[in-house]
Structure formats: C-alpha cells, structure tokens
Amino acid sequence: PGPPLPAGGEGPDADPHLAAGALCTARGPLLAAAEVLALDDEEDDLEVFSKDKSVVEVNAFSPSVPISPSSMINEYKFEDGPELRDLFITVDDPESHITAIETFITYRVVTKTSRGEFDSSEYEVRRRYQDFLWLKSKLEEAHPTLIIPPLPEKFIMKGMVERFSDEFIETRRKALHKFLNRIADHPTLTFNEDFKIFLTAQAWELSSHKKQGPGLLSRMGQTVRAVASSVRGAVKNRPEMFTEMNNYMETFSQKINLLDKIAHRIYKEERDYFNEMKEYGPIHTLWSASEEDIADSLKGIASCIDRCCKATEKRMAGLSENLLPILHEYVLYSEILMGVLKRRDQIQGELDSKVDASANKKTEKDLFSEEIGKLEDKVERANNALKADWDRWKQNMQWDMRSTFTNVAENNLRYYEE
C-alpha cells in the first residue's frame, strides 16, 4: 500500500492495514493535498476514498486483519496501561437560568480526588460555558506549547439542533465532560493551579479570581506581538521535526474536515430516509383496509417498514453520538495544533531576531548573550513540551479513530442484520 503516515503508526506492533482501514491513509501522508483540494462536487467526496487501492486491499481475506471489529478493538491496545488515576471528574445535571439580561445553562462539576494538594476529597460546583472558556484561555496562557483539549463551539452542531434544546444541552454536556477529563489525564495540565481553582472554588470565589487576570492592555500587547510575529515570514532556524509536524497538520486538517463534511452529509441523508419511511409504512396499513385479498401482505410490508424505521433510528443515534462528535473534536484539535505550532515559531522567532541583533551590535555583546541564553532555554522548554505532547496526542488520536470507525462498522453490521 505504500509508505505509512509520517511519524504515525510506528513501532514493531503497528499494523499498517489497520491504519488503512480506519483512516484510509496508508498511501502516504493521509491523501495527497491535490486530491483533497480537487473535491469541488459533493459526489466526489465519497469517491476519493474508494479510489485508494490500500483501502480495497484490506478485506476479509487479508490474514493480518482481525475478522470482527470487536476482535480488532481488543487486539490494538496501548502498550502501557494507564497509571492509577487520582482525580475523577463528572459533568452532569444541566440547569437553565433565565435573567432579565440573558439565558444560560450551568452544569454541575463533581470532583473526587485523593491528591494531597486538595483540602477535601470531594467537591461540587456549578459552572457555565463562559467559565470553561476562561479555564481554556488560562491553560493556553500558562502552557503555550502544550496541546490544550478543545471546547465545543458556542453553537455546536449549528443547523442540526436548536440552541437550549435537550439534544443540544446533552451534546454540550458530554463535550464539557470530555474536556475536563482530558485535562485531568494530562501529565502537566492536571496540576495547573487555575484548573484546581476551577474544580474547587465557589462561584463568587471564581469570579473574584478571574478579575486578577491580565488587564486589557496586557492582552492587547500579547495580541500585537503575536500578529507582528506572524507577519515576519518563515522562521529561519526551525528544526526539521517541527516543519514535518506543520506539514502533517496541514494535510490532517484538510482530511479531517473532509471526513467531518461526509459524516454530516451521511447523517442528513439517513434522517431524510428515516422521515420518509415514517410516512411510507402507515400508507400500507390504510391500504390494507380496502384490499381484502392482499390485506395480509400489505400489513406484512407495513410491519417490515416499521422495523426498518426503528433500525435506521438506532443507526442515526450511533452516528450522532459516536462518529460526529469525535470527528468534530479533531477538526477543532487541528486548529489548536496549528496555533500551538505558530506559538512555538513565535518563541523561535524571538531568539532568531535577538541573535541577529547581537551580530550587528558587538559593543553590547554581553547584554545580548544573557538574553540569548534565556531565550535558548525558553525555546528548548517549548520544543520539549511540544514534542512530548505531540507523541501523546498522536497516540490518542489514532486510538480514537480506530475505536470510532470500528464502532461505526459494528453498528452497520447490526443495522443490516436487523
């Protein structure tokens, strides 16, 4: 099938066939960018995957692929089991609040822990969406080159569900629950002080703590520096590893957005088909009342359509609960990773500019050498943090994709059996 994904699926236990079946990507870094960009018509979206020979080659006759999706999931586990957890977080019990100014939802956040830095073993607080946004911004500020988990957008799945509907609230609750638990499982973010305050502080304490953050002028200064850095052009001394990461993420972003688009179109088609079947079945029941000779046959067809309708409804639930959220989460992850790489380049750019200035002003060499030394340490810390997080994120991503697409396959098997 050709070379595997760069920096992905390595190791003696990696199975290239699984990666091909789960991500349709064994032919190279995902698919060639040219193929992605050429997809102008919706009909081409699905065809591009069927044209990949590596996908066709992975079939039931391949000895290296487990026969059942369940055995596939069981076969591919992380080599190192998770360490004993000491922090458990649950997000539940959404509650509506209506004021003269706004309407919003709060969620109960329950934390259970055995860590010594916590004053109690259990906490219960209520948080609204804006509080989660604040936590994410503080984590990004404290750890600019770590991969912070994504939050659902303010209007998640816009066009598919109404805001404040039960479906919308439940979708968001699950996303917020995953957001906090991904932070809790992260080896560095889990010990962030703002994260601890988010989990333990009462509403008025959190509000007071928020006001202690950087002021408007400070935030504006950070924005100006970021914009100034972005227009400088390519970083001169960027290590090859981070250039490869950048190229990987550009292609990954194109491919995951395409998968997201296809999945939403499949869901819409399934929903339209389901709505038509709901109208189609009762017609045969009504028809049977005026056709005595074929009444039993017509009733049998009506019963069959009803069973198909229920099976399709379960299939739709599987797509909306398992496939769509995972794909969209990694669409957001792709944006986050591109931002992390840009922040790393910004730190590198500061060092490069200081080195250039030092070369031009030899009289102030001692002063520059001290600043350059600090920047070199900063760049090294940023590089090490991103490299470690990159490997961790990639492992999680591959696991999520494998389990997600295997789950879809199992649901499809059950659907067609029914």
Protein backbone atom coordinates (compact mmCIF):
# COMPACT_ATOMS: atom_id res chain seq x y z
CA PRO A 1 0.00 0.00 0.00
CA GLY A 2 2.95 2.39 0.06
CA PRO A 3 4.64 4.36 2.84
CA PRO A 4 2.72 4.83 6.11
CA LEU A 5 1.77 8.11 7.71
CA PRO A 6 4.82 10.15 8.70
CA ALA A 7 5.59 9.79 12.41
CA GLY A 8 2.40 7.77 12.84
CA GLY A 9 1.83 4.09 13.43
CA GLU A 10 5.48 3.40 14.15
CA GLY A 11 6.78 0.55 16.26
CA PRO A 12 7.08 -3.18 15.83
CA ASP A 13 3.46 -3.73 16.86
CA ALA A 14 1.94 -1.21 14.46
CA ASP A 15 -0.32 -2.67 11.79
CA PRO A 16 -0.41 -0.63 8.55
CA HIS A 17 -3.53 -2.44 7.40
CA LEU A 18 -5.47 -1.22 10.43
CA ALA A 19 -4.41 2.35 9.78
CA ALA A 20 -5.57 1.96 6.19
CA GLY A 21 -8.92 0.57 7.19
CA ALA A 22 -9.54 3.11 9.93
CA LEU A 23 -8.19 6.29 8.42
CA CYS A 24 -7.94 5.39 4.71
CA THR A 25 -4.43 6.79 4.75
CA ALA A 26 -1.85 4.06 4.09
CA ARG A 27 -0.88 5.55 0.73
CA GLY A 28 1.10 8.45 2.15
CA PRO A 29 0.52 11.43 4.48
CA LEU A 30 -3.27 11.00 4.58
CA LEU A 31 -4.20 11.67 0.91
CA ALA A 32 -2.30 13.94 -1.43
CA ALA A 33 -3.32 17.54 -0.85
CA ALA A 34 -4.10 17.90 -4.55
CA GLU A 35 -6.79 15.23 -4.30
CA VAL A 36 -8.36 16.98 -1.33
CA LEU A 37 -8.40 20.39 -2.96
CA ALA A 38 -9.89 18.98 -6.15
CA LEU A 39 -13.10 17.91 -4.40
CA ASP A 40 -15.42 20.60 -5.66
CA ASP A 41 -18.52 18.44 -6.08
CA GLU A 42 -20.17 16.67 -3.18
CA GLU A 43 -20.36 13.46 -5.24
CA ASP A 44 -16.56 13.35 -5.36
CA ASP A 45 -16.20 13.31 -1.58
CA LEU A 46 -17.04 9.66 -1.21
CA GLU A 47 -15.37 8.53 -4.43
CA VAL A 48 -11.93 9.71 -3.39
CA PHE A 49 -11.78 7.10 -0.62
CA SER A 50 -12.92 4.22 -2.84
CA LYS A 51 -10.15 5.05 -5.34
CA ASP A 52 -7.47 4.36 -2.73
CA LYS A 53 -6.13 0.88 -3.51
CA SER A 54 -4.88 0.47 0.03
CA VAL A 55 -8.48 0.53 1.24
CA VAL A 56 -9.56 -2.11 -1.27
CA GLU A 57 -6.67 -4.37 -0.31
CA VAL A 58 -7.77 -4.51 3.33
CA ASN A 59 -10.58 -7.07 3.16
CA ALA A 60 -11.85 -10.18 4.85
CA PHE A 61 -9.25 -12.31 3.06
CA SER A 62 -6.33 -10.36 4.46
CA PRO A 63 -4.69 -12.58 7.10
CA SER A 64 -3.33 -9.61 9.04
CA VAL A 65 -6.74 -8.09 9.76
CA PRO A 66 -9.00 -9.47 12.51
CA ILE A 67 -12.30 -10.78 11.16
CA SER A 68 -14.62 -9.00 13.57
CA PRO A 69 -14.49 -5.34 14.62
CA SER A 70 -14.67 -6.41 18.26
CA SER A 71 -11.52 -8.50 17.97
CA MET A 72 -9.85 -5.57 16.22
CA ILE A 73 -10.56 -3.31 19.18
CA ASN A 74 -9.30 -5.93 21.62
CA GLU A 75 -6.11 -6.53 19.66
CA TYR A 76 -4.96 -2.93 19.49
CA LYS A 77 -4.40 -1.55 22.97
CA PHE A 78 -1.85 0.88 24.29
CA GLU A 79 1.30 -0.95 25.32
CA ASP A 80 1.49 0.92 28.59
CA GLY A 81 -1.67 0.77 30.66
CA PRO A 82 -2.91 3.99 32.26
CA GLU A 83 -1.45 4.84 35.62
CA LEU A 84 -3.66 4.69 38.67
CA ARG A 85 -5.90 7.73 38.49
CA ASP A 86 -6.27 10.01 41.48
CA LEU A 87 -8.66 12.59 40.00
CA PHE A 88 -12.19 11.82 38.80
CA ILE A 89 -14.46 14.49 37.32
CA THR A 90 -18.10 14.31 36.27
CA VAL A 91 -20.10 16.96 34.44
CA ASP A 92 -23.86 16.47 34.75
CA ASP A 93 -27.21 17.97 35.87
CA PRO A 94 -27.60 20.88 33.39
CA GLU A 95 -29.78 23.66 34.77
CA SER A 96 -31.34 26.62 32.92
CA HIS A 97 -31.06 30.16 34.30
CA ILE A 98 -33.20 32.99 32.96
CA THR A 99 -32.41 36.57 33.92
CA ALA A 100 -33.50 39.96 32.59
CA ILE A 101 -30.29 40.16 30.59
CA GLU A 102 -29.57 36.62 29.40
CA THR A 103 -30.48 32.97 29.43
CA PHE A 104 -27.75 30.43 30.13
CA ILE A 105 -27.10 26.88 31.29
CA THR A 106 -24.97 25.81 34.24
CA TYR A 107 -23.56 22.32 34.76
CA ARG A 108 -22.69 20.54 37.95
CA VAL A 109 -19.00 19.62 38.17
CA VAL A 110 -18.27 16.90 40.74
CA THR A 111 -14.63 16.15 41.58
CA LYS A 112 -13.32 13.23 43.63
CA THR A 113 -9.62 13.04 44.40
CA SER A 114 -7.01 11.55 46.69
CA ARG A 115 -4.35 14.18 45.96
CA GLY A 116 -2.66 15.84 48.90
CA GLU A 117 -2.80 19.37 47.43
CA PHE A 118 -6.61 19.35 47.65
CA ASP A 119 -8.14 20.30 51.01
CA SER A 120 -11.01 17.85 50.59
CA SER A 121 -11.57 14.56 48.79
CA GLU A 122 -14.78 15.70 47.05
CA TYR A 123 -16.05 18.96 45.55
CA GLU A 124 -19.27 20.01 43.89
CA VAL A 125 -19.57 23.31 41.99
CA ARG A 126 -21.70 24.73 39.19
CA ARG A 127 -20.10 26.17 36.09
CA ARG A 128 -21.41 27.85 32.96
CA TYR A 129 -19.89 27.71 29.49
CA GLN A 130 -18.04 31.01 29.95
CA ASP A 131 -16.18 29.50 32.93
CA PHE A 132 -14.91 26.68 30.73
CA LEU A 133 -13.75 29.26 28.17
CA TRP A 134 -11.87 31.10 30.92
CA LEU A 135 -10.12 27.88 32.01
CA LYS A 136 -9.07 27.09 28.45
CA SER A 137 -7.61 30.58 27.94
CA LYS A 138 -5.67 30.35 31.23
CA LEU A 139 -4.22 26.97 30.25
CA GLU A 140 -3.14 28.34 26.87
CA GLU A 141 -1.58 31.35 28.57
CA ALA A 142 0.35 29.21 31.08
CA HIS A 143 1.33 26.46 28.62
CA PRO A 144 1.59 28.00 25.12
CA THR A 145 3.22 24.96 23.51
CA LEU A 146 1.09 22.24 25.09
CA ILE A 147 -1.94 20.86 23.25
CA ILE A 148 -4.98 22.09 25.20
CA PRO A 149 -8.11 19.96 24.57
CA PRO A 150 -10.82 21.68 22.51
CA LEU A 151 -14.10 23.03 23.81
CA PRO A 152 -17.34 22.78 21.83
CA GLU A 153 -18.14 25.96 19.96
CA LYS A 154 -20.77 28.29 21.34
CA PHE A 155 -23.26 26.97 18.80
CA ILE A 156 -22.16 23.37 18.39
CA MET A 157 -23.79 21.43 15.52
CA LYS A 158 -25.46 24.62 14.32
CA GLY A 159 -28.23 23.88 11.86
CA MET A 160 -28.81 20.38 13.24
CA VAL A 161 -30.24 21.14 16.67
CA GLU A 162 -31.83 24.15 18.30
CA ARG A 163 -29.97 26.02 20.99
CA PHE A 164 -31.12 25.11 24.51
CA SER A 165 -32.91 22.01 23.22
CA ASP A 166 -32.38 18.82 25.21
CA GLU A 167 -30.23 17.39 22.42
CA PHE A 168 -28.02 20.50 22.27
CA ILE A 169 -27.55 20.60 26.05
CA GLU A 170 -26.72 16.90 26.26
CA THR A 171 -24.23 17.16 23.36
CA ARG A 172 -22.51 20.07 25.08
CA ARG A 173 -22.52 18.33 28.48
CA LYS A 174 -20.69 15.34 27.02
CA ALA A 175 -18.15 17.62 25.32
CA LEU A 176 -17.50 19.57 28.54
CA HIS A 177 -17.15 16.31 30.48
CA LYS A 178 -14.57 15.06 27.98
CA PHE A 179 -12.74 18.43 28.05
CA LEU A 180 -12.21 18.31 31.83
CA ASN A 181 -11.23 14.65 31.88
CA ARG A 182 -8.71 15.10 29.08
CA ILE A 183 -7.11 17.84 31.20
CA ALA A 184 -7.24 15.61 34.29
CA ASP A 185 -5.45 12.82 32.38
CA HIS A 186 -2.75 15.16 31.03
CA PRO A 187 0.57 14.77 32.91
CA THR A 188 1.17 18.56 33.10
CA LEU A 189 -2.19 20.32 32.75
CA THR A 190 -3.72 18.30 35.58
CA PHE A 191 -1.50 20.15 38.09
CA ASN A 192 -2.30 23.64 36.81
CA GLU A 193 -3.39 25.96 39.63
CA ASP A 194 -6.24 27.55 37.63
CA PHE A 195 -7.58 24.06 36.89
CA LYS A 196 -7.64 23.32 40.62
CA ILE A 197 -9.46 26.61 41.31
CA PHE A 198 -11.98 25.82 38.55
CA LEU A 199 -12.79 22.49 40.19
CA THR A 200 -12.96 23.69 43.79
CA ALA A 201 -13.88 27.40 44.05
CA GLN A 202 -17.44 28.53 44.64
CA ALA A 203 -19.00 30.85 42.06
CA TRP A 204 -18.12 34.09 43.88
CA GLU A 205 -14.55 32.88 44.54
CA LEU A 206 -14.06 32.01 40.88
CA SER A 207 -15.45 35.39 39.83
CA SER A 208 -13.00 37.14 42.15
CA HIS A 209 -10.10 35.06 40.84
CA LYS A 210 -10.99 35.89 37.23
CA LYS A 211 -10.62 39.61 37.95
CA GLN A 212 -7.00 39.05 38.97
CA GLY A 213 -6.07 38.04 35.41
CA PRO A 214 -4.13 40.22 32.94
CA GLY A 215 -5.75 43.52 32.05
CA LEU A 216 -6.96 44.66 28.67
CA LEU A 217 -3.71 46.47 27.80
CA SER A 218 -1.68 43.37 28.62
CA ARG A 219 -3.89 41.19 26.44
CA MET A 220 -3.67 43.73 23.63
CA GLY A 221 0.13 43.67 23.92
CA GLN A 222 0.16 39.90 23.59
CA THR A 223 -2.08 40.10 20.53
CA VAL A 224 0.10 42.74 18.88
CA ARG A 225 3.22 40.63 19.46
CA ALA A 226 1.52 37.57 18.03
CA VAL A 227 0.40 39.46 14.91
CA ALA A 228 3.84 41.05 14.49
CA SER A 229 5.45 37.62 14.72
CA SER A 230 3.06 36.11 12.19
CA VAL A 231 3.95 38.63 9.50
CA ARG A 232 7.71 38.15 9.82
CA GLY A 233 7.67 35.20 7.48
CA ALA A 234 9.06 31.72 7.93
CA VAL A 235 11.28 31.01 10.91
CA LYS A 236 14.87 30.68 9.74
CA ASN A 237 16.16 28.08 12.18
CA ARG A 238 13.08 25.94 12.68
CA PRO A 239 14.11 22.31 13.37
CA GLU A 240 13.09 19.83 10.68
CA MET A 241 10.89 17.97 13.15
CA PHE A 242 8.55 20.95 13.52
CA THR A 243 8.45 21.55 9.78
CA GLU A 244 7.28 17.94 9.40
CA MET A 245 4.69 18.48 12.15
CA ASN A 246 3.41 21.56 10.35
CA ASN A 247 3.12 19.72 7.03
CA TYR A 248 1.41 16.79 8.73
CA MET A 249 -1.15 19.04 10.41
CA GLU A 250 -1.96 20.93 7.18
CA THR A 251 -2.82 17.65 5.47
CA PHE A 252 -4.54 16.24 8.55
CA SER A 253 -6.69 19.37 8.77
CA GLN A 254 -7.81 19.00 5.15
CA LYS A 255 -8.60 15.32 5.58
CA ILE A 256 -10.43 15.54 8.92
CA ASN A 257 -12.56 18.43 7.64
CA LEU A 258 -13.46 16.32 4.63
CA LEU A 259 -14.41 13.37 6.86
CA ASP A 260 -16.49 15.72 9.01
CA LYS A 261 -18.31 17.02 5.94
CA ILE A 262 -19.01 13.50 4.65
CA ALA A 263 -20.26 12.29 8.03
CA HIS A 264 -22.72 15.20 8.32
CA ARG A 265 -23.98 14.52 4.80
CA ILE A 266 -24.48 10.83 5.58
CA TYR A 267 -26.38 11.75 8.74
CA LYS A 268 -28.62 14.17 6.82
CA GLU A 269 -29.37 11.53 4.17
CA GLU A 270 -30.19 8.97 6.87
CA ARG A 271 -32.51 11.46 8.58
CA ASP A 272 -34.35 12.22 5.32
CA TYR A 273 -34.68 8.49 4.62
CA PHE A 274 -36.00 7.90 8.14
CA ASN A 275 -38.62 10.66 7.83
CA GLU A 276 -39.86 9.25 4.52
CA MET A 277 -40.13 5.72 5.93
CA LYS A 278 -42.23 7.01 8.84
CA GLU A 279 -44.78 8.23 6.29
CA TYR A 280 -44.43 5.23 3.98
CA GLY A 281 -45.32 2.47 6.48
CA PRO A 282 -48.77 3.67 7.62
CA ILE A 283 -49.87 4.03 3.98
CA HIS A 284 -49.79 0.24 3.58
CA THR A 285 -51.83 -0.23 6.76
CA LEU A 286 -54.52 2.12 5.44
CA TRP A 287 -54.36 0.47 2.03
CA SER A 288 -54.94 -3.00 3.54
CA ALA A 289 -58.37 -1.88 4.81
CA SER A 290 -59.68 -1.56 1.23
CA GLU A 291 -57.92 -4.59 -0.28
CA GLU A 292 -59.19 -7.77 1.38
CA ASP A 293 -57.37 -10.16 -0.97
CA ILE A 294 -53.91 -8.74 -0.24
CA ALA A 295 -54.57 -7.26 3.21
CA ASP A 296 -52.19 -9.65 4.99
CA SER A 297 -49.38 -8.93 2.53
CA LEU A 298 -49.86 -5.17 2.88
CA LYS A 299 -49.86 -5.41 6.66
CA GLY A 300 -46.69 -7.51 6.47
CA ILE A 301 -44.99 -4.83 4.38
CA ALA A 302 -46.12 -2.14 6.84
CA SER A 303 -44.65 -4.17 9.73
CA CYS A 304 -41.37 -4.66 7.85
CA ILE A 305 -41.07 -0.94 7.11
CA ASP A 306 -41.71 -0.19 10.79
CA ARG A 307 -38.85 -2.50 11.83
CA CYS A 308 -36.56 -0.90 9.23
CA CYS A 309 -37.57 2.50 10.56
CA LYS A 310 -36.58 1.57 14.12
CA ALA A 311 -33.27 0.10 12.94
CA THR A 312 -32.49 3.29 10.98
CA GLU A 313 -33.28 5.39 14.05
CA LYS A 314 -30.75 3.39 16.09
CA ARG A 315 -28.19 3.78 13.33
CA MET A 316 -28.71 7.56 13.31
CA ALA A 317 -28.27 7.65 17.09
CA GLY A 318 -24.96 5.81 16.70
CA LEU A 319 -23.74 8.37 14.15
CA SER A 320 -24.78 11.40 16.20
CA GLU A 321 -23.42 10.04 19.49
CA ASN A 322 -20.20 8.33 18.38
CA LEU A 323 -18.99 9.43 14.94
CA LEU A 324 -19.95 13.10 14.54
CA PRO A 325 -18.63 14.33 17.93
CA ILE A 326 -15.27 12.55 17.55
CA LEU A 327 -14.65 13.83 14.02
CA HIS A 328 -15.62 17.36 15.01
CA GLU A 329 -13.42 17.22 18.09
CA TYR A 330 -10.43 16.51 15.86
CA VAL A 331 -11.44 19.29 13.47
CA LEU A 332 -11.06 21.58 16.50
CA TYR A 333 -7.85 19.80 17.52
CA SER A 334 -6.36 20.53 14.09
CA GLU A 335 -6.97 24.25 14.61
CA ILE A 336 -5.48 24.09 18.12
CA LEU A 337 -2.36 22.30 16.92
CA MET A 338 -1.77 24.82 14.14
CA GLY A 339 -1.97 27.55 16.79
CA VAL A 340 0.49 25.70 19.06
CA LEU A 341 2.98 25.36 16.20
CA LYS A 342 2.66 29.08 15.47
CA ARG A 343 3.35 29.93 19.12
CA ARG A 344 6.43 27.71 19.07
CA ASP A 345 7.60 29.52 15.93
CA GLN A 346 6.99 32.85 17.68
CA ILE A 347 9.35 31.85 20.52
CA GLN A 348 11.89 30.67 17.95
CA GLY A 349 11.48 33.95 16.07
CA GLU A 350 12.27 35.96 19.21
CA LEU A 351 15.51 34.03 19.60
CA ASP A 352 16.44 34.43 15.92
CA SER A 353 15.85 38.18 15.99
CA LYS A 354 17.94 38.56 19.16
CA VAL A 355 20.80 36.57 17.62
CA ASP A 356 20.68 38.80 14.53
CA ALA A 357 20.70 41.93 16.69
CA SER A 358 23.66 40.60 18.67
CA ALA A 359 25.64 40.08 15.48
CA ASN A 360 25.00 43.69 14.41
CA LYS A 361 25.84 45.27 17.78
CA LYS A 362 29.07 43.78 19.02
CA THR A 363 29.52 46.51 21.66
CA GLU A 364 26.56 45.19 23.65
CA LYS A 365 27.52 41.55 23.21
CA ASP A 366 27.48 40.70 26.94
CA LEU A 367 23.96 42.04 27.40
CA PHE A 368 22.71 40.17 24.35
CA SER A 369 24.40 36.93 25.32
CA GLU A 370 22.48 36.85 28.60
CA GLU A 371 19.15 37.46 26.83
CA ILE A 372 20.02 34.93 24.14
CA GLY A 373 20.80 32.34 26.82
CA LYS A 374 17.38 32.84 28.43
CA LEU A 375 15.64 32.63 25.04
CA GLU A 376 17.54 29.47 24.16
CA ASP A 377 16.31 27.88 27.38
CA LYS A 378 12.77 29.06 26.59
CA VAL A 379 12.93 27.58 23.08
CA GLU A 380 14.29 24.29 24.41
CA ARG A 381 11.50 24.03 27.00
CA ALA A 382 8.89 24.85 24.33
CA ASN A 383 10.34 22.26 21.96
CA ASN A 384 10.47 19.53 24.60
CA ALA A 385 6.93 20.25 25.78
CA LEU A 386 5.53 20.14 22.25
CA LYS A 387 7.46 17.00 21.26
CA ALA A 388 6.17 15.08 24.28
CA ASP A 389 2.62 16.33 23.81
CA TRP A 390 2.72 15.62 20.07
CA ASP A 391 3.51 11.92 20.62
CA ARG A 392 0.84 11.66 23.29
CA TRP A 393 -1.79 13.42 21.15
CA LYS A 394 -0.99 11.27 18.12
CA GLN A 395 -1.36 8.07 20.09
CA ASN A 396 -4.72 9.23 21.48
CA MET A 397 -5.88 10.37 18.03
CA GLN A 398 -5.06 7.03 16.40
CA TRP A 399 -6.80 5.16 19.20
CA ASP A 400 -9.90 7.38 18.97
CA MET A 401 -10.08 6.96 15.19
CA ARG A 402 -9.68 3.20 15.32
CA SER A 403 -12.31 2.72 18.01
CA THR A 404 -14.70 5.22 16.39
CA PHE A 405 -14.66 3.68 12.91
CA THR A 406 -14.78 0.17 14.36
CA ASN A 407 -17.86 1.21 16.33
CA VAL A 408 -19.47 2.56 13.15
CA ALA A 409 -18.71 -0.73 11.37
CA GLU A 410 -20.27 -2.77 14.19
CA ASN A 411 -23.38 -0.55 14.14
CA ASN A 412 -23.66 -1.02 10.38
CA LEU A 413 -23.40 -4.80 10.77
CA ARG A 414 -26.21 -4.81 13.33
CA TYR A 415 -28.30 -2.50 11.16
CA TYR A 416 -28.10 -4.72 8.08
CA GLU A 417 -28.72 -7.84 10.13
CA GLU A 418 -31.87 -6.28 11.52
